[in-house]
PDB file of N, CA and C in Angstrom:
ATOM      1  N   MET A   1     100.169 105.182  68.938  1.00  0.00           N
ATOM      2  CA  MET A   1     100.642 104.034  69.707  1.00  0.00           C
ATOM      3  C   MET A   1     101.921 104.375  70.473  1.00  0.00           C
ATOM      4  N   GLU A   2     102.833 105.065  69.814  1.00  0.00           N
ATOM      5  CA  GLU A   2     104.083 105.448  70.450  1.00  0.00           C
ATOM      6  C   GLU A   2     103.820 106.376  71.637  1.00  0.00           C
ATOM      7  N   SER A   3     102.838 107.246  71.504  1.00  0.00           N
ATOM      8  CA  SER A   3     102.461 108.161  72.577  1.00  0.00           C
ATOM      9  C   SER A   3     101.951 107.398  73.796  1.00  0.00           C
ATOM     10  N   GLN A   4     101.177 106.340  73.552  1.00  0.00           N
ATOM     11  CA  GLN A   4     100.659 105.538  74.663  1.00  0.00           C
ATOM     12  C   GLN A   4     101.798 104.834  75.399  1.00  0.00           C
ATOM     13  N   ASN A   5     102.767 104.300  74.666  1.00  0.00           N
ATOM     14  CA  ASN A   5     103.909 103.632  75.297  1.00  0.00           C
ATOM     15  C   ASN A   5     104.712 104.601  76.149  1.00  0.00           C
ATOM     16  N   LEU A   6     104.865 105.836  75.640  1.00  0.00           N
ATOM     17  CA  LEU A   6     105.577 106.850  76.390  1.00  0.00           C
ATOM     18  C   LEU A   6     104.840 107.184  77.683  1.00  0.00           C
ATOM     19  N   GLN A   7     103.518 107.270  77.622  1.00  0.00           N
ATOM     20  CA  GLN A   7     102.723 107.560  78.806  1.00  0.00           C
ATOM     21  C   GLN A   7     102.814 106.426  79.824  1.00  0.00           C
ATOM     22  N   VAL A   8     102.752 105.193  79.349  1.00  0.00           N
ATOM     23  CA  VAL A   8     102.864 104.036  80.239  1.00  0.00           C
ATOM     24  C   VAL A   8     104.222 104.036  80.922  1.00  0.00           C
ATOM     25  N   THR A   9     105.268 104.357  80.170  1.00  0.00           N
ATOM     26  CA  THR A   9     106.610 104.415  80.741  1.00  0.00           C
ATOM     27  C   THR A   9     106.688 105.489  81.815  1.00  0.00           C
ATOM     28  N   LYS A  10     106.127 106.660  81.546  1.00  0.00           N
ATOM     29  CA  LYS A  10     106.141 107.738  82.533  1.00  0.00           C
ATOM     30  C   LYS A  10     105.363 107.340  83.785  1.00  0.00           C
ATOM     31  N   ILE A  11     104.197 106.724  83.600  1.00  0.00           N
ATOM     32  CA  ILE A  11     103.380 106.292  84.740  1.00  0.00           C
ATOM     33  C   ILE A  11     104.127 105.242  85.551  1.00  0.00           C
ATOM     34  N   SER A  12     104.750 104.283  84.878  1.00  0.00           N
ATOM     35  CA  SER A  12     105.495 103.237  85.586  1.00  0.00           C
ATOM     36  C   SER A  12     106.642 103.836  86.380  1.00  0.00           C
ATOM     37  N   THR A  13     107.310 104.811  85.787  1.00  0.00           N
ATOM     38  CA  THR A  13     108.416 105.460  86.481  1.00  0.00           C
ATOM     39  C   THR A  13     107.922 106.181  87.725  1.00  0.00           C
ATOM     40  N   VAL A  14     106.842 106.906  87.599  1.00  0.00           N
ATOM     41  CA  VAL A  14     106.281 107.627  88.736  1.00  0.00           C
ATOM     42  C   VAL A  14     105.813 106.650  89.807  1.00  0.00           C
ATOM     43  N   LEU A  15     105.100 105.618  89.418  1.00  0.00           N
ATOM     44  CA  LEU A  15     104.635 104.626  90.390  1.00  0.00           C
ATOM     45  C   LEU A  15     105.808 103.926  91.047  1.00  0.00           C
ATOM     46  N   GLY A  16     106.807 103.600  90.247  1.00  0.00           N
ATOM     47  CA  GLY A  16     107.988 102.939  90.793  1.00  0.00           C
ATOM     48  C   GLY A  16     108.661 103.792  91.849  1.00  0.00           C
ATOM     49  N   ASN A  17     108.805 105.088  91.589  1.00  0.00           N
ATOM     50  CA  ASN A  17     109.426 105.983  92.553  1.00  0.00           C
ATOM     51  C   ASN A  17     108.593 106.092  93.816  1.00  0.00           C
ATOM     52  N   ASN A  18     107.279 106.170  93.687  1.00  0.00           N
ATOM     53  CA  ASN A  18     106.419 106.249  94.862  1.00  0.00           C
ATOM     54  C   ASN A  18     106.519 104.979  95.691  1.00  0.00           C
ATOM     55  N   GLN A  19     106.599 103.848  95.010  1.00  0.00           N
ATOM     56  CA  GLN A  19     106.721 102.581  95.726  1.00  0.00           C
ATOM     57  C   GLN A  19     108.039 102.562  96.501  1.00  0.00           C
ATOM     58  N   PHE A  20     109.124 103.029  95.874  1.00  0.00           N
ATOM     59  CA  PHE A  20     110.418 103.066  96.553  1.00  0.00           C
ATOM     60  C   PHE A  20     110.362 103.981  97.764  1.00  0.00           C
ATOM     61  N   ASP A  21     109.748 105.164  97.582  1.00  0.00           N
ATOM     62  CA  ASP A  21     109.634 106.102  98.692  1.00  0.00           C
ATOM     63  C   ASP A  21     108.891 105.460  99.858  1.00  0.00           C
ATOM     64  N   SER A  22     107.816 104.731  99.574  1.00  0.00           N
ATOM     65  CA  SER A  22     107.044 104.082 100.633  1.00  0.00           C
ATOM     66  C   SER A  22     107.882 103.029 101.342  1.00  0.00           C
ATOM     67  N   GLN A  23     108.625 102.236 100.585  1.00  0.00           N
ATOM     68  CA  GLN A  23     109.470 101.212 101.200  1.00  0.00           C
ATOM     69  C   GLN A  23     110.549 101.854 102.059  1.00  0.00           C
ATOM     70  N   GLU A  24     111.115 102.970 101.576  1.00  0.00           N
ATOM     71  CA  GLU A  24     112.147 103.664 102.334  1.00  0.00           C
ATOM     72  C   GLU A  24     111.573 104.199 103.645  1.00  0.00           C
ATOM     73  N   LYS A  25     110.371 104.762 103.604  1.00  0.00           N
ATOM     74  CA  LYS A  25     109.741 105.286 104.808  1.00  0.00           C
ATOM     75  C   LYS A  25     109.476 104.169 105.807  1.00  0.00           C
ATOM     76  N   VAL A  26     109.016 103.026 105.338  1.00  0.00           N
ATOM     77  CA  VAL A  26     108.762 101.882 106.231  1.00  0.00           C
ATOM     78  C   VAL A  26     110.063 101.441 106.871  1.00  0.00           C
ATOM     79  N   GLN A  27     111.137 101.390 106.074  1.00  0.00           N
ATOM     80  CA  GLN A  27     112.426 100.978 106.618  1.00  0.00           C
ATOM     81  C   GLN A  27     112.879 101.950 107.702  1.00  0.00           C
ATOM     82  N   LYS A  28     112.709 103.259 107.499  1.00  0.00           N
ATOM     83  CA  LYS A  28     113.086 104.237 108.510  1.00  0.00           C
ATOM     84  C   LYS A  28     112.218 104.093 109.755  1.00  0.00           C
ATOM     85  N   LEU A  29     110.914 103.836 109.567  1.00  0.00           N
ATOM     86  CA  LEU A  29     110.029 103.668 110.713  1.00  0.00           C
ATOM     87  C   LEU A  29     110.442 102.463 111.542  1.00  0.00           C
ATOM     88  N   LEU A  30     110.804 101.391 110.869  1.00  0.00           N
ATOM     89  CA  LEU A  30     111.254 100.211 111.596  1.00  0.00           C
ATOM     90  C   LEU A  30     112.532 100.508 112.361  1.00  0.00           C
ATOM     91  N   SER A  31     113.438 101.225 111.749  1.00  0.00           N
ATOM     92  CA  SER A  31     114.679 101.577 112.427  1.00  0.00           C
ATOM     93  C   SER A  31     114.393 102.449 113.637  1.00  0.00           C
ATOM     94  N   THR A  32     113.510 103.412 113.489  1.00  0.00           N
ATOM     95  CA  THR A  32     113.135 104.269 114.604  1.00  0.00           C
ATOM     96  C   THR A  32     112.511 103.432 115.717  1.00  0.00           C
ATOM     97  N   ALA A  33     111.629 102.519 115.345  1.00  0.00           N
ATOM     98  CA  ALA A  33     110.964 101.655 116.338  1.00  0.00           C
ATOM     99  C   ALA A  33     111.976 100.784 117.069  1.00  0.00           C
ATOM    100  N   GLU A  34     112.964 100.264 116.352  1.00  0.00           N
ATOM    101  CA  GLU A  34     113.979  99.426 116.994  1.00  0.00           C
ATOM    102  C   GLU A  34     114.802 100.235 118.001  1.00  0.00           C
ATOM    103  N   ILE A  35     115.159 101.445 117.607  1.00  0.00           N
ATOM    104  CA  ILE A  35     115.941 102.299 118.499  1.00  0.00           C
ATOM    105  C   ILE A  35     115.107 102.686 119.718  1.00  0.00           C
ATOM    106  N   GLN A  36     113.863 103.047 119.497  1.00  0.00           N
ATOM    107  CA  GLN A  36     112.973 103.375 120.613  1.00  0.00           C
ATOM    108  C   GLN A  36     112.854 102.195 121.568  1.00  0.00           C
ATOM    109  N   SER A  37     112.692 101.019 121.018  1.00  0.00           N
ATOM    110  CA  SER A  37     112.550  99.817 121.833  1.00  0.00           C
ATOM    111  C   SER A  37     113.803  99.582 122.688  1.00  0.00           C
ATOM    112  N   TRP A  38     114.971  99.767 122.091  1.00  0.00           N
ATOM    113  CA  TRP A  38     116.211  99.584 122.835  1.00  0.00           C
ATOM    114  C   TRP A  38     116.287 100.580 123.984  1.00  0.00           C
ATOM    115  N   ILE A  39     115.991 101.846 123.697  1.00  0.00           N
ATOM    116  CA  ILE A  39     116.076 102.888 124.729  1.00  0.00           C
ATOM    117  C   ILE A  39     115.070 102.623 125.851  1.00  0.00           C
ATOM    118  N   VAL A  40     113.857 102.247 125.485  1.00  0.00           N
ATOM    119  CA  VAL A  40     112.832 101.934 126.491  1.00  0.00           C
ATOM    120  C   VAL A  40     113.290 100.781 127.375  1.00  0.00           C
ATOM    121  N   SER A  41     113.790  99.730 126.767  1.00  0.00           N
ATOM    122  CA  SER A  41     114.278  98.580 127.544  1.00  0.00           C
ATOM    123  C   SER A  41     115.418  98.985 128.473  1.00  0.00           C
ATOM    124  N   TYR A  42     116.324  99.780 127.947  1.00  0.00           N
ATOM    125  CA  TYR A  42     117.475 100.240 128.736  1.00  0.00           C
ATOM    126  C   TYR A  42     117.009 101.040 129.949  1.00  0.00           C
ATOM    127  N   LEU A  43     116.141 102.024 129.711  1.00  0.00           N
ATOM    128  CA  LEU A  43     115.648 102.860 130.814  1.00  0.00           C
ATOM    129  C   LEU A  43     114.814 102.058 131.805  1.00  0.00           C
ATOM    130  N   ALA A  44     113.997 101.161 131.309  1.00  0.00           N
ATOM    131  CA  ALA A  44     113.159 100.350 132.198  1.00  0.00           C
ATOM    132  C   ALA A  44     114.028  99.521 133.132  1.00  0.00           C
ATOM    133  N   GLU A  45     115.073  98.930 132.598  1.00  0.00           N
ATOM    134  CA  GLU A  45     115.970  98.128 133.432  1.00  0.00           C
ATOM    135  C   GLU A  45     116.735  99.021 134.407  1.00  0.00           C
ATOM    136  N   LEU A  46     117.244 100.123 133.909  1.00  0.00           N
ATOM    137  CA  LEU A  46     118.015 101.045 134.746  1.00  0.00           C
ATOM    138  C   LEU A  46     117.185 101.603 135.896  1.00  0.00           C
ATOM    139  N   LEU A  47     115.951 101.978 135.595  1.00  0.00           N
ATOM    140  CA  LEU A  47     115.089 102.625 136.589  1.00  0.00           C
ATOM    141  C   LEU A  47     114.179 101.650 137.333  1.00  0.00           C
ATOM    142  N   GLU A  48     114.315 100.369 136.986  1.00  0.00           N
ATOM    143  CA  GLU A  48     113.491  99.317 137.581  1.00  0.00           C
ATOM    144  C   GLU A  48     112.006  99.625 137.424  1.00  0.00           C
ATOM    145  N   LEU A  49     111.635  99.938 136.180  1.00  0.00           N
ATOM    146  CA  LEU A  49     110.248 100.214 135.826  1.00  0.00           C
ATOM    147  C   LEU A  49     109.783  99.203 134.797  1.00  0.00           C
ATOM    148  N   ASP A  50     108.489  99.081 134.670  1.00  0.00           N
ATOM    149  CA  ASP A  50     107.919  98.294 133.589  1.00  0.00           C
ATOM    150  C   ASP A  50     108.103  99.111 132.306  1.00  0.00           C
ATOM    151  N   PRO A  51     108.494  98.479 131.202  1.00  0.00           N
ATOM    152  CA  PRO A  51     108.661  99.229 129.953  1.00  0.00           C
ATOM    153  C   PRO A  51     107.426 100.048 129.558  1.00  0.00           C
ATOM    154  N   ASN A  52     106.243  99.589 129.943  1.00  0.00           N
ATOM    155  CA  ASN A  52     105.015 100.327 129.627  1.00  0.00           C
ATOM    156  C   ASN A  52     104.924 101.659 130.379  1.00  0.00           C
ATOM    157  N   GLU A  53     105.735 101.817 131.425  1.00  0.00           N
ATOM    158  CA  GLU A  53     105.737 103.060 132.193  1.00  0.00           C
ATOM    159  C   GLU A  53     106.639 104.135 131.576  1.00  0.00           C
ATOM    160  N   ILE A  54     107.404 103.760 130.571  1.00  0.00           N
ATOM    161  CA  ILE A  54     108.304 104.700 129.911  1.00  0.00           C
ATOM    162  C   ILE A  54     107.539 105.380 128.778  1.00  0.00           C
ATOM    163  N   ASP A  55     107.496 106.698 128.837  1.00  0.00           N
ATOM    164  CA  ASP A  55     106.783 107.496 127.839  1.00  0.00           C
ATOM    165  C   ASP A  55     107.795 108.062 126.840  1.00  0.00           C
ATOM    166  N   LEU A  56     107.557 107.829 125.553  1.00  0.00           N
ATOM    167  CA  LEU A  56     108.478 108.265 124.501  1.00  0.00           C
ATOM    168  C   LEU A  56     108.612 109.786 124.414  1.00  0.00           C
ATOM    169  N   ALA A  57     107.613 110.510 124.891  1.00  0.00           N
ATOM    170  CA  ALA A  57     107.592 111.969 124.740  1.00  0.00           C
ATOM    171  C   ALA A  57     108.045 112.728 125.989  1.00  0.00           C
ATOM    172  N   ILE A  58     108.345 112.009 127.059  1.00  0.00           N
ATOM    173  CA  ILE A  58     108.795 112.668 128.297  1.00  0.00           C
ATOM    174  C   ILE A  58     110.311 112.875 128.219  1.00  0.00           C
ATOM    175  N   PRO A  59     110.781 114.077 128.538  1.00  0.00           N
ATOM    176  CA  PRO A  59     112.231 114.331 128.496  1.00  0.00           C
ATOM    177  C   PRO A  59     113.006 113.408 129.443  1.00  0.00           C
ATOM    178  N   PHE A  60     114.224 113.067 129.023  1.00  0.00           N
ATOM    179  CA  PHE A  60     115.071 112.183 129.823  1.00  0.00           C
ATOM    180  C   PHE A  60     115.278 112.715 131.235  1.00  0.00           C
ATOM    181  N   ASP A  61     115.416 114.023 131.380  1.00  0.00           N
ATOM    182  CA  ASP A  61     115.684 114.558 132.723  1.00  0.00           C
ATOM    183  C   ASP A  61     114.507 114.373 133.676  1.00  0.00           C
ATOM    184  N   ASN A  62     113.314 114.155 133.149  1.00  0.00           N
ATOM    185  CA  ASN A  62     112.160 113.863 134.017  1.00  0.00           C
ATOM    186  C   ASN A  62     112.282 112.483 134.669  1.00  0.00           C
ATOM    187  N   TYR A  63     113.129 111.635 134.105  1.00  0.00           N
ATOM    188  CA  TYR A  63     113.360 110.315 134.693  1.00  0.00           C
ATOM    189  C   TYR A  63     114.485 110.355 135.724  1.00  0.00           C
ATOM    190  N   GLY A  64     115.031 111.548 135.954  1.00  0.00           N
ATOM    191  CA  GLY A  64     116.066 111.702 136.968  1.00  0.00           C
ATOM    192  C   GLY A  64     117.448 111.258 136.526  1.00  0.00           C
ATOM    193  N   LEU A  65     117.690 111.244 135.233  1.00  0.00           N
ATOM    194  CA  LEU A  65     119.011 110.836 134.750  1.00  0.00           C
ATOM    195  C   LEU A  65     120.008 111.977 134.950  1.00  0.00           C
ATOM    196  N   ASP A  66     121.124 111.677 135.602  1.00  0.00           N
ATOM    197  CA  ASP A  66     122.165 112.689 135.725  1.00  0.00           C
ATOM    198  C   ASP A  66     123.118 112.571 134.532  1.00  0.00           C
ATOM    199  N   SER A  67     124.091 113.464 134.470  1.00  0.00           N
ATOM    200  CA  SER A  67     124.973 113.493 133.298  1.00  0.00           C
ATOM    201  C   SER A  67     125.788 112.209 133.157  1.00  0.00           C
ATOM    202  N   ALA A  68     126.197 111.615 134.268  1.00  0.00           N
ATOM    203  CA  ALA A  68     126.977 110.374 134.205  1.00  0.00           C
ATOM    204  C   ALA A  68     126.150 109.241 133.598  1.00  0.00           C
ATOM    205  N   VAL A  69     124.892 109.147 134.004  1.00  0.00           N
ATOM    206  CA  VAL A  69     124.006 108.109 133.460  1.00  0.00           C
ATOM    207  C   VAL A  69     123.738 108.379 131.983  1.00  0.00           C
ATOM    208  N   ALA A  70     123.540 109.636 131.630  1.00  0.00           N
ATOM    209  CA  ALA A  70     123.272 110.001 130.234  1.00  0.00           C
ATOM    210  C   ALA A  70     124.460 109.630 129.345  1.00  0.00           C
ATOM    211  N   VAL A  71     125.665 109.918 129.807  1.00  0.00           N
ATOM    212  CA  VAL A  71     126.863 109.578 129.032  1.00  0.00           C
ATOM    213  C   VAL A  71     127.015 108.060 128.951  1.00  0.00           C
ATOM    214  N   GLY A  72     126.750 107.364 130.048  1.00  0.00           N
ATOM    215  CA  GLY A  72     126.825 105.902 130.047  1.00  0.00           C
ATOM    216  C   GLY A  72     125.820 105.283 129.085  1.00  0.00           C
ATOM    217  N   MET A  73     124.614 105.809 129.092  1.00  0.00           N
ATOM    218  CA  MET A  73     123.581 105.312 128.188  1.00  0.00           C
ATOM    219  C   MET A  73     123.967 105.571 126.728  1.00  0.00           C
ATOM    220  N   THR A  74     124.512 106.746 126.461  1.00  0.00           N
ATOM    221  CA  THR A  74     124.959 107.059 125.102  1.00  0.00           C
ATOM    222  C   THR A  74     126.059 106.095 124.671  1.00  0.00           C
ATOM    223  N   GLY A  75     126.971 105.779 125.576  1.00  0.00           N
ATOM    224  CA  GLY A  75     128.036 104.817 125.275  1.00  0.00           C
ATOM    225  C   GLY A  75     127.489 103.429 124.976  1.00  0.00           C
ATOM    226  N   ASP A  76     126.522 102.996 125.759  1.00  0.00           N
ATOM    227  CA  ASP A  76     125.911 101.686 125.524  1.00  0.00           C
ATOM    228  C   ASP A  76     125.124 101.679 124.212  1.00  0.00           C
ATOM    229  N   LEU A  77     124.450 102.777 123.928  1.00  0.00           N
ATOM    230  CA  LEU A  77     123.718 102.906 122.663  1.00  0.00           C
ATOM    231  C   LEU A  77     124.697 102.885 121.489  1.00  0.00           C
ATOM    232  N   GLU A  78     125.812 103.547 121.661  1.00  0.00           N
ATOM    233  CA  GLU A  78     126.872 103.571 120.653  1.00  0.00           C
ATOM    234  C   GLU A  78     127.368 102.147 120.372  1.00  0.00           C
ATOM    235  N   ASP A  79     127.595 101.380 121.433  1.00  0.00           N
ATOM    236  CA  ASP A  79     128.021  99.982 121.277  1.00  0.00           C
ATOM    237  C   ASP A  79     126.962  99.164 120.552  1.00  0.00           C
ATOM    238  N   TRP A  80     125.704  99.339 120.921  1.00  0.00           N
ATOM    239  CA  TRP A  80     124.606  98.582 120.317  1.00  0.00           C
ATOM    240  C   TRP A  80     124.451  98.914 118.839  1.00  0.00           C
ATOM    241  N   MET A  81     124.588 100.199 118.500  1.00  0.00           N
ATOM    242  CA  MET A  81     124.434 100.618 117.101  1.00  0.00           C
ATOM    243  C   MET A  81     125.694 100.371 116.277  1.00  0.00           C
ATOM    244  N   GLY A  82     126.831 100.230 116.952  1.00  0.00           N
ATOM    245  CA  GLY A  82     128.083 100.045 116.230  1.00  0.00           C
ATOM    246  C   GLY A  82     128.537 101.308 115.522  1.00  0.00           C
ATOM    247  N   ARG A  83     128.151 102.443 116.077  1.00  0.00           N
ATOM    248  CA  ARG A  83     128.498 103.753 115.496  1.00  0.00           C
ATOM    249  C   ARG A  83     128.895 104.703 116.603  1.00  0.00           C
ATOM    250  N   GLU A  84     129.817 105.614 116.286  1.00  0.00           N
ATOM    251  CA  GLU A  84     130.227 106.617 117.261  1.00  0.00           C
ATOM    252  C   GLU A  84     129.133 107.669 117.419  1.00  0.00           C
ATOM    253  N   LEU A  85     128.797 107.973 118.658  1.00  0.00           N
ATOM    254  CA  LEU A  85     127.756 108.958 118.957  1.00  0.00           C
ATOM    255  C   LEU A  85     128.316 110.051 119.849  1.00  0.00           C
ATOM    256  N   ASP A  86     127.771 111.235 119.709  1.00  0.00           N
ATOM    257  CA  ASP A  86     128.158 112.371 120.543  1.00  0.00           C
ATOM    258  C   ASP A  86     127.591 112.161 121.949  1.00  0.00           C
ATOM    259  N   PRO A  87     128.407 112.298 122.977  1.00  0.00           N
ATOM    260  CA  PRO A  87     127.925 112.075 124.343  1.00  0.00           C
ATOM    261  C   PRO A  87     126.827 113.053 124.783  1.00  0.00           C
ATOM    262  N   THR A  88     126.642 114.149 124.061  1.00  0.00           N
ATOM    263  CA  THR A  88     125.615 115.124 124.437  1.00  0.00           C
ATOM    264  C   THR A  88     124.283 114.875 123.735  1.00  0.00           C
ATOM    265  N   LEU A  89     124.145 113.753 123.057  1.00  0.00           N
ATOM    266  CA  LEU A  89     122.918 113.477 122.295  1.00  0.00           C
ATOM    267  C   LEU A  89     121.642 113.602 123.120  1.00  0.00           C
ATOM    268  N   LEU A  90     121.665 113.121 124.343  1.00  0.00           N
ATOM    269  CA  LEU A  90     120.458 113.161 125.176  1.00  0.00           C
ATOM    270  C   LEU A  90     120.052 114.588 125.536  1.00  0.00           C
ATOM    271  N   TYR A  91     120.997 115.493 125.467  1.00  0.00           N
ATOM    272  CA  TYR A  91     120.678 116.904 125.727  1.00  0.00           C
ATOM    273  C   TYR A  91     120.201 117.593 124.446  1.00  0.00           C
ATOM    274  N   ASP A  92     120.771 117.178 123.323  1.00  0.00           N
ATOM    275  CA  ASP A  92     120.383 117.753 122.035  1.00  0.00           C
ATOM    276  C   ASP A  92     119.024 117.222 121.563  1.00  0.00           C
ATOM    277  N   TYR A  93     118.729 115.975 121.904  1.00  0.00           N
ATOM    278  CA  TYR A  93     117.467 115.313 121.533  1.00  0.00           C
ATOM    279  C   TYR A  93     116.880 114.737 122.820  1.00  0.00           C
ATOM    280  N   PRO A  94     116.124 115.543 123.555  1.00  0.00           N
ATOM    281  CA  PRO A  94     115.794 115.237 124.951  1.00  0.00           C
ATOM    282  C   PRO A  94     114.690 114.218 125.221  1.00  0.00           C
ATOM    283  N   THR A  95     114.097 113.620 124.190  1.00  0.00           N
ATOM    284  CA  THR A  95     113.104 112.565 124.437  1.00  0.00           C
ATOM    285  C   THR A  95     113.471 111.333 123.633  1.00  0.00           C
ATOM    286  N   ILE A  96     112.941 110.209 124.037  1.00  0.00           N
ATOM    287  CA  ILE A  96     113.177 108.966 123.302  1.00  0.00           C
ATOM    288  C   ILE A  96     112.711 109.119 121.859  1.00  0.00           C
ATOM    289  N   GLU A  97     111.562 109.725 121.707  1.00  0.00           N
ATOM    290  CA  GLU A  97     110.951 109.888 120.390  1.00  0.00           C
ATOM    291  C   GLU A  97     111.859 110.664 119.435  1.00  0.00           C
ATOM    292  N   VAL A  98     112.335 111.832 119.839  1.00  0.00           N
ATOM    293  CA  VAL A  98     113.147 112.651 118.938  1.00  0.00           C
ATOM    294  C   VAL A  98     114.559 112.090 118.778  1.00  0.00           C
ATOM    295  N   LEU A  99     115.091 111.484 119.816  1.00  0.00           N
ATOM    296  CA  LEU A  99     116.414 110.877 119.722  1.00  0.00           C
ATOM    297  C   LEU A  99     116.401 109.713 118.732  1.00  0.00           C
ATOM    298  N   ALA A 100     115.426 108.829 118.871  1.00  0.00           N
ATOM    299  CA  ALA A 100     115.341 107.670 117.977  1.00  0.00           C
ATOM    300  C   ALA A 100     115.126 108.112 116.532  1.00  0.00           C
ATOM    301  N   GLN A 101     114.281 109.093 116.337  1.00  0.00           N
ATOM    302  CA  GLN A 101     114.035 109.598 114.984  1.00  0.00           C
ATOM    303  C   GLN A 101     115.319 110.194 114.394  1.00  0.00           C
ATOM    304  N   HIS A 102     116.021 110.969 115.191  1.00  0.00           N
ATOM    305  CA  HIS A 102     117.282 111.559 114.724  1.00  0.00           C
ATOM    306  C   HIS A 102     118.281 110.472 114.338  1.00  0.00           C
ATOM    307  N   LEU A 103     118.452 109.489 115.205  1.00  0.00           N
ATOM    308  CA  LEU A 103     119.424 108.431 114.945  1.00  0.00           C
ATOM    309  C   LEU A 103     119.051 107.614 113.705  1.00  0.00           C
ATOM    310  N   ALA A 104     117.771 107.320 113.560  1.00  0.00           N
ATOM    311  CA  ALA A 104     117.321 106.555 112.391  1.00  0.00           C
ATOM    312  C   ALA A 104     117.585 107.333 111.101  1.00  0.00           C
ATOM    313  N   GLU A 105     117.343 108.617 111.125  1.00  0.00           N
ATOM    314  CA  GLU A 105     117.603 109.446 109.944  1.00  0.00           C
ATOM    315  C   GLU A 105     119.085 109.628 109.700  1.00  0.00           C
ATOM    316  N   GLU A 106     119.827 109.831 110.760  1.00  0.00           N
ATOM    317  CA  GLU A 106     121.261 110.064 110.665  1.00  0.00           C
ATOM    318  C   GLU A 106     122.008 108.846 110.097  1.00  0.00           C
ATOM    319  N   PHE A 107     121.578 107.667 110.478  1.00  0.00           N
ATOM    320  CA  PHE A 107     122.293 106.463 110.094  1.00  0.00           C
ATOM    321  C   PHE A 107     121.540 105.569 109.124  1.00  0.00           C
ATOM    322  N   SER A 108     120.510 106.124 108.467  1.00  0.00           N
ATOM    323  CA  SER A 108     119.773 105.313 107.497  1.00  0.00           C
ATOM    324  C   SER A 108     120.651 105.039 106.293  1.00  0.00           C
ATOM    325  N   VAL A 109     120.464 103.889 105.716  1.00  0.00           N
ATOM    326  CA  VAL A 109     121.285 103.456 104.581  1.00  0.00           C
ATOM    327  C   VAL A 109     120.726 104.009 103.300  1.00  0.00           C
TER     328      VAL A 109
END
């Protein structure tokens, strides 16, 4: 009987950890999605495009962003996130997809 209780405890612990991992992954995905959405909206307004025309996998420089616009966008993103960001982020993470993923991982709670 004691052996069965020990096994149940081990199983519950393992299941509990897996459940936590799944919840954590969902939370990160939501954060990534929120950041992507903000960037898409920002670029769509800046470039006067429909948000559906913004591709998450296309590099920022393909949209014709110069360094001044990139730094300005990083500053606005910094204000929106309430965190200090490196002005070279758009060069280090050149697509919406990788930038949002990096930021979500970097600032996840």
